[in-house]
Structures are given as structure tokens and as C-alpha cells.
Amino acid sequence: PLVDLFGGIKPDLLKANIGLTLVEYVYTMFFSILLFFVIELPLVTVIASIVLKDILLAVLFSFTLNIIITLIVFFIFYTYPSLTAGRRKKNIDSALPFATTYMATIASSGAPPVTMFKVLSQFNEYGEISKETGKIYRDVEAFGMDLVGAVRKTAGRTPSEELKELLWSLDTVLTSGGS
């Protein structure tokens, strides 16, 4: 019920590669906010009572300040997946022309398609593209998924539209048997 209110951040969680489900992320967010509030309220109240020398004013001030800070922390948690996905998209899009050239070179050598993803995943210079291709290789080698399914899965979760188009094009080539 409460988690359903945050369904809008689920696609960004997948694209940001945070590694938590929506339920885990929402529970982590609320636990962190609660913990932050419980620790900060007495601390700020004591400091404010020393500075203001009026306990009632100090409690009112610290409670108001804690509400504001809690809302800021909530906003940070809420926007973090989107910001992270955006950063990953930018990283992927900037390295994609170079990675595509490298992929074409590997493909023209006659190596099996899975080798292309294995080799590309080992080059850290490509940043997030290496991570995305590493997921494809891992899904095929460790989890026994077929290459087409692994490519489709990664295409559905990548934050970059350009990489998504490339992966769907590769999917077409792989399923139609082209080179």
C-alpha cells in the first residue's frame, strides 16, 4: 500500500543500477528518515535550549527544523535514483561511439557474439557500457540465459536510449541470423 505510492521511481531504480527492489528502497528511505529524526531531534533540542535559553522555544525550533530537514532528506532519497540514472545515461552516451567501433571490430573478426560482450565488459575505459555488457555476459555465462534474452533484459533496463536502440538492433541481428 505505502510502497505503491512510490511506483514512479521503480524504472529509475532499475536504470540507476542501485541493486535494491522498490520495497527495499522505500523501507530503507523511511527507516533512514526515522532514524535521522529520532537522533537529530534531541540533539538539536539540547543545542537550541543552550543557545536560546528557553526550553519551549528550543523544542518548537528544533521540531520545526527537524521537519524541514526530514523533508529535505526525503526529497534527496526520492530524486537519487533519477539523478543516478541520468548520470549513467550521460556516461553511456559519451562512450557509446567508441564502444560501438570496438564492437564492430570484434564482430568483424568472426568471434561469437557473446565474446564481444565479454571483451567489452573487461574494458573499464568504457565505464557504464562495460557494466551493461558485463551484465549480458554474466546472464549468459553464470545464469545460463540465452544471448537474445540477456540482450533484451539489458535493453529494457539501460538508461540510455542510444544503447537501447543498439541492443535492440543487435537483438534483431541475432534472431534473424545476420552478421
Protein backbone atom coordinates (compact mmCIF):
# COMPACT_ATOMS: atom_id res chain seq x y z
CA PRO A 1 0.00 0.00 0.00
CA LEU A 2 2.58 2.62 1.05
CA VAL A 3 5.12 1.30 -1.43
CA ASP A 4 2.60 1.66 -4.26
CA LEU A 5 2.76 5.44 -3.83
CA PHE A 6 6.40 5.30 -4.92
CA GLY A 7 5.90 3.17 -8.03
CA GLY A 8 7.09 6.07 -10.18
CA ILE A 9 10.68 5.64 -9.05
CA LYS A 10 10.84 1.93 -9.92
CA PRO A 11 12.04 2.45 -13.53
CA ASP A 12 14.73 4.84 -12.30
CA LEU A 13 15.83 2.30 -9.67
CA LEU A 14 16.41 -0.25 -12.43
CA LYS A 15 18.16 2.25 -14.70
CA ALA A 16 20.29 3.60 -11.86
CA ASN A 17 21.59 0.09 -11.10
CA ILE A 18 21.12 0.66 -7.37
CA GLY A 19 20.57 -3.01 -6.66
CA LEU A 20 17.51 -2.69 -4.43
CA THR A 21 13.91 -3.56 -5.15
CA LEU A 22 11.30 -0.83 -4.82
CA VAL A 23 10.13 -2.25 -1.49
CA GLU A 24 13.69 -2.39 -0.12
CA TYR A 25 14.44 1.15 -1.29
CA VAL A 26 11.24 2.62 0.20
CA TYR A 27 11.80 0.82 3.51
CA THR A 28 15.42 1.98 3.58
CA MET A 29 14.27 5.52 2.87
CA PHE A 30 11.70 5.56 5.68
CA PHE A 31 13.99 3.82 8.16
CA SER A 32 16.75 6.34 7.42
CA ILE A 33 14.38 9.27 7.79
CA LEU A 34 13.00 7.91 11.07
CA LEU A 35 16.47 7.21 12.43
CA PHE A 36 17.67 10.65 11.37
CA PHE A 37 14.66 12.31 13.01
CA VAL A 38 14.96 10.36 16.27
CA ILE A 39 18.68 11.09 16.62
CA GLU A 40 18.56 14.69 15.49
CA LEU A 41 15.52 15.91 17.49
CA PRO A 42 17.03 15.55 20.98
CA LEU A 43 20.42 16.74 19.79
CA VAL A 44 19.08 19.91 18.19
CA THR A 45 16.75 20.49 21.17
CA VAL A 46 19.66 20.42 23.62
CA ILE A 47 21.78 22.73 21.46
CA ALA A 48 18.87 25.11 20.87
CA SER A 49 17.98 25.22 24.58
CA ILE A 50 21.57 26.17 25.42
CA VAL A 51 21.66 28.86 22.75
CA LEU A 52 18.12 30.24 23.15
CA LYS A 53 17.89 29.73 26.96
CA ASP A 54 14.17 28.96 26.64
CA ILE A 55 13.17 25.29 26.59
CA LEU A 56 9.74 25.81 24.99
CA LEU A 57 11.19 27.91 22.19
CA ALA A 58 14.04 25.42 21.78
CA VAL A 59 11.62 22.47 21.39
CA LEU A 60 9.50 24.39 18.90
CA PHE A 61 12.57 25.49 16.93
CA SER A 62 14.15 22.02 16.89
CA PHE A 63 10.90 20.33 15.89
CA THR A 64 10.38 22.79 13.03
CA LEU A 65 13.99 22.45 11.91
CA ASN A 66 13.73 18.65 12.05
CA ILE A 67 10.59 18.64 9.91
CA ILE A 68 12.34 20.78 7.30
CA ILE A 69 15.49 18.65 7.33
CA THR A 70 13.44 15.45 7.19
CA LEU A 71 11.62 16.74 4.11
CA ILE A 72 14.97 17.58 2.51
CA VAL A 73 16.28 14.06 3.25
CA PHE A 74 13.07 12.59 1.81
CA PHE A 75 13.49 14.69 -1.34
CA ILE A 76 17.10 13.53 -1.69
CA PHE A 77 16.07 9.88 -1.37
CA TYR A 78 13.20 10.38 -3.81
CA THR A 79 15.32 12.03 -6.52
CA TYR A 80 18.51 10.00 -6.07
CA PRO A 81 17.54 7.16 -8.48
CA SER A 82 16.60 9.63 -11.19
CA LEU A 83 19.82 11.61 -10.78
CA THR A 84 21.93 8.45 -10.79
CA ALA A 85 20.16 7.12 -13.89
CA GLY A 86 20.77 10.46 -15.61
CA ARG A 87 24.46 10.35 -14.74
CA ARG A 88 24.72 6.80 -16.07
CA LYS A 89 22.91 7.83 -19.27
CA LYS A 90 25.37 10.64 -19.85
CA ASN A 91 28.33 8.32 -19.25
CA ILE A 92 26.95 5.69 -21.62
CA ASP A 93 26.09 8.17 -24.36
CA SER A 94 29.55 9.76 -24.28
CA ALA A 95 31.38 6.42 -24.58
CA LEU A 96 28.98 4.71 -26.98
CA PRO A 97 30.59 5.80 -30.29
CA PHE A 98 33.94 4.35 -29.20
CA ALA A 99 32.39 1.18 -27.82
CA THR A 100 30.36 0.69 -30.99
CA THR A 101 33.51 0.91 -33.11
CA TYR A 102 35.18 -1.63 -30.84
CA MET A 103 32.15 -3.93 -31.03
CA ALA A 104 32.21 -3.75 -34.84
CA THR A 105 35.89 -4.67 -34.85
CA ILE A 106 35.28 -7.70 -32.64
CA ALA A 107 32.25 -8.75 -34.68
CA SER A 108 34.18 -8.50 -37.96
CA SER A 109 36.84 -10.85 -36.59
CA GLY A 110 34.33 -13.69 -36.68
CA ALA A 111 34.21 -14.19 -32.91
CA PRO A 112 30.94 -15.43 -31.39
CA PRO A 113 28.62 -12.60 -30.28
CA VAL A 114 28.96 -13.45 -26.58
CA THR A 115 32.72 -12.88 -26.90
CA MET A 116 32.03 -9.31 -27.97
CA PHE A 117 30.19 -8.66 -24.69
CA LYS A 118 32.85 -10.46 -22.65
CA VAL A 119 35.73 -8.44 -24.13
CA LEU A 120 33.84 -5.15 -23.94
CA SER A 121 32.93 -5.76 -20.29
CA GLN A 122 36.61 -6.06 -19.42
CA PHE A 123 37.46 -2.55 -20.65
CA ASN A 124 36.86 -0.19 -17.75
CA GLU A 125 37.58 2.78 -20.01
CA TYR A 126 34.03 2.45 -21.34
CA GLY A 127 32.59 2.99 -17.84
CA GLU A 128 28.92 2.19 -17.63
CA ILE A 129 28.91 0.45 -21.03
CA SER A 130 31.34 -2.09 -19.57
CA LYS A 131 28.90 -2.67 -16.71
CA GLU A 132 25.95 -3.08 -19.07
CA THR A 133 27.80 -5.53 -21.33
CA GLY A 134 29.10 -7.27 -18.22
CA LYS A 135 25.50 -7.91 -17.18
CA ILE A 136 24.80 -9.50 -20.56
CA TYR A 137 27.86 -11.72 -20.31
CA ARG A 138 27.05 -12.65 -16.70
CA ASP A 139 23.47 -13.54 -17.58
CA VAL A 140 24.66 -15.83 -20.37
CA GLU A 141 27.64 -17.46 -18.66
CA ALA A 142 26.63 -17.58 -14.99
CA PHE A 143 22.85 -17.82 -15.21
CA GLY A 144 22.56 -19.84 -18.42
CA MET A 145 20.32 -17.33 -20.13
CA ASP A 146 20.29 -17.30 -23.92
CA LEU A 147 22.08 -14.36 -25.51
CA VAL A 148 18.94 -12.88 -27.04
CA GLY A 149 17.14 -12.90 -23.68
CA ALA A 150 20.13 -11.32 -21.94
CA VAL A 151 20.35 -8.58 -24.58
CA ARG A 152 16.62 -7.88 -24.29
CA LYS A 153 16.79 -7.75 -20.50
CA THR A 154 19.65 -5.25 -20.54
CA ALA A 155 17.98 -3.19 -23.26
CA GLY A 156 14.92 -2.86 -21.05
CA ARG A 157 16.96 -1.58 -18.10
CA THR A 158 19.55 0.71 -19.63
CA PRO A 159 19.06 4.44 -19.04
CA SER A 160 20.46 5.33 -22.48
CA GLU A 161 18.07 5.41 -25.42
CA GLU A 162 21.02 5.14 -27.80
CA LEU A 163 22.34 1.97 -26.16
CA LYS A 164 18.80 0.61 -26.01
CA GLU A 165 18.45 1.12 -29.79
CA LEU A 166 21.83 -0.54 -30.37
CA LEU A 167 20.89 -3.54 -28.23
CA TRP A 168 17.52 -3.91 -29.97
CA SER A 169 19.34 -3.77 -33.30
CA LEU A 170 21.70 -6.50 -32.09
CA ASP A 171 18.65 -8.47 -30.98
CA THR A 172 17.27 -8.25 -34.50
CA VAL A 173 20.58 -9.37 -35.99
CA LEU A 174 20.89 -12.25 -33.52
CA THR A 175 17.34 -13.51 -34.05
CA SER A 176 17.40 -13.14 -37.83
CA GLY A 177 20.83 -14.76 -38.13
CA GLY A 178 22.58 -11.83 -39.80
CA SER A 179 26.21 -10.97 -39.34
